[in-house]
Amino acid sequence: MPQITVSDDLYRQLEAESLDTDISETLWKMVGSYRRANNPESDTA
């Protein structure tokens, strides 16, 4: 699995958003949201 390095500030924001779920799940949701917003054709396979 790829490794991602983030700043301490961003990590604290991720922790705050992930209070009810695993941080990995929150990250995948964020990646999917970014991907759909910036490349809508990427999800039409």
N, C-alpha and C. Protein backbone atom coordinates (compact mmCIF):
# COMPACT_ATOMS: atom_id res chain seq x y z
N MET A 1 0.85 -1.18 0.00
CA MET A 1 0.00 0.00 0.00
C MET A 1 0.89 1.24 0.00
N PRO A 2 0.54 2.25 -0.80
CA PRO A 2 1.35 3.46 -0.84
C PRO A 2 1.35 4.18 0.51
N GLN A 3 2.40 4.88 0.75
CA GLN A 3 2.53 5.65 1.99
C GLN A 3 2.41 7.12 1.67
N ILE A 4 1.63 7.84 2.49
CA ILE A 4 1.41 9.27 2.28
C ILE A 4 1.95 10.02 3.49
N THR A 5 2.70 11.08 3.24
CA THR A 5 3.22 11.92 4.31
C THR A 5 2.43 13.23 4.32
N VAL A 6 1.90 13.60 5.51
CA VAL A 6 1.14 14.84 5.62
C VAL A 6 1.68 15.65 6.80
N SER A 7 1.36 16.93 6.79
CA SER A 7 1.80 17.80 7.88
C SER A 7 1.03 17.46 9.15
N ASP A 8 1.55 17.88 10.28
CA ASP A 8 0.88 17.65 11.57
C ASP A 8 -0.49 18.31 11.60
N ASP A 9 -0.60 19.51 11.03
CA ASP A 9 -1.88 20.22 11.01
C ASP A 9 -2.93 19.44 10.22
N LEU A 10 -2.55 18.95 9.04
CA LEU A 10 -3.48 18.18 8.22
C LEU A 10 -3.86 16.88 8.93
N TYR A 11 -2.90 16.23 9.57
CA TYR A 11 -3.19 14.99 10.28
C TYR A 11 -4.21 15.24 11.40
N ARG A 12 -4.07 16.33 12.11
CA ARG A 12 -5.04 16.65 13.17
C ARG A 12 -6.43 16.90 12.58
N GLN A 13 -6.49 17.53 11.42
CA GLN A 13 -7.79 17.73 10.75
C GLN A 13 -8.39 16.39 10.35
N LEU A 14 -7.56 15.49 9.84
CA LEU A 14 -8.05 14.15 9.47
C LEU A 14 -8.57 13.40 10.69
N GLU A 15 -7.84 13.49 11.79
CA GLU A 15 -8.29 12.84 13.02
C GLU A 15 -9.64 13.39 13.47
N ALA A 16 -9.80 14.69 13.38
CA ALA A 16 -11.06 15.32 13.79
C ALA A 16 -12.22 14.85 12.90
N GLU A 17 -11.97 14.69 11.60
CA GLU A 17 -13.02 14.22 10.68
C GLU A 17 -13.30 12.74 10.84
N SER A 18 -12.38 12.01 11.47
CA SER A 18 -12.48 10.55 11.56
C SER A 18 -12.90 10.07 12.94
N LEU A 19 -13.53 10.91 13.70
CA LEU A 19 -13.89 10.52 15.06
C LEU A 19 -14.71 9.24 15.12
N ASP A 20 -15.63 9.04 14.17
CA ASP A 20 -16.51 7.87 14.19
C ASP A 20 -15.99 6.72 13.34
N THR A 21 -15.00 6.95 12.51
CA THR A 21 -14.51 5.93 11.59
C THR A 21 -12.99 5.86 11.59
N ASP A 22 -12.48 4.92 10.84
CA ASP A 22 -11.05 4.74 10.67
C ASP A 22 -10.50 5.86 9.78
N ILE A 23 -9.32 6.34 10.06
CA ILE A 23 -8.70 7.41 9.26
C ILE A 23 -8.57 6.97 7.80
N SER A 24 -8.24 5.71 7.55
CA SER A 24 -8.11 5.22 6.17
C SER A 24 -9.42 5.37 5.41
N GLU A 25 -10.53 5.07 6.04
CA GLU A 25 -11.83 5.21 5.40
C GLU A 25 -12.10 6.68 5.05
N THR A 26 -11.77 7.57 5.97
CA THR A 26 -11.95 9.00 5.72
C THR A 26 -11.07 9.46 4.55
N LEU A 27 -9.84 8.99 4.51
CA LEU A 27 -8.94 9.36 3.41
C LEU A 27 -9.48 8.88 2.06
N TRP A 28 -9.98 7.64 2.00
CA TRP A 28 -10.52 7.13 0.73
C TRP A 28 -11.73 7.92 0.29
N LYS A 29 -12.57 8.33 1.23
CA LYS A 29 -13.73 9.16 0.88
C LYS A 29 -13.27 10.50 0.32
N MET A 30 -12.24 11.08 0.93
CA MET A 30 -11.71 12.36 0.46
C MET A 30 -11.11 12.21 -0.94
N VAL A 31 -10.37 11.13 -1.18
CA VAL A 31 -9.77 10.89 -2.49
C VAL A 31 -10.86 10.73 -3.54
N GLY A 32 -11.90 9.96 -3.23
CA GLY A 32 -13.00 9.77 -4.16
C GLY A 32 -13.71 11.07 -4.48
N SER A 33 -13.93 11.87 -3.46
CA SER A 33 -14.59 13.16 -3.65
C SER A 33 -13.73 14.08 -4.54
N TYR A 34 -12.45 14.13 -4.27
CA TYR A 34 -11.53 14.95 -5.07
C TYR A 34 -11.51 14.46 -6.52
N ARG A 35 -11.45 13.15 -6.67
CA ARG A 35 -11.38 12.57 -8.01
C ARG A 35 -12.63 12.88 -8.82
N ARG A 36 -13.80 12.76 -8.21
CA ARG A 36 -15.05 13.06 -8.91
C ARG A 36 -15.13 14.53 -9.27
N ALA A 37 -14.66 15.40 -8.38
CA ALA A 37 -14.73 16.84 -8.63
C ALA A 37 -13.76 17.29 -9.72
N ASN A 38 -12.61 16.62 -9.82
CA ASN A 38 -11.58 17.07 -10.75
C ASN A 38 -11.46 16.23 -12.01
N ASN A 39 -12.09 15.06 -12.04
CA ASN A 39 -12.05 14.21 -13.22
C ASN A 39 -13.30 13.33 -13.24
N PRO A 40 -14.44 13.91 -13.53
CA PRO A 40 -15.71 13.18 -13.47
C PRO A 40 -15.73 11.91 -14.34
N GLU A 41 -14.99 11.89 -15.43
CA GLU A 41 -14.97 10.72 -16.30
C GLU A 41 -14.28 9.52 -15.66
N SER A 42 -13.51 9.73 -14.61
CA SER A 42 -12.75 8.65 -13.99
C SER A 42 -13.63 7.58 -13.35
N ASP A 43 -14.87 7.91 -13.01
CA ASP A 43 -15.76 6.95 -12.37
C ASP A 43 -16.75 6.33 -13.34
N THR A 44 -16.57 6.53 -14.62
CA THR A 44 -17.51 5.99 -15.59
C THR A 44 -16.86 4.84 -16.36
N ALA A 45 -16.51 3.81 -15.65
CA ALA A 45 -15.86 2.65 -16.32
C ALA A 45 -16.81 1.49 -16.38
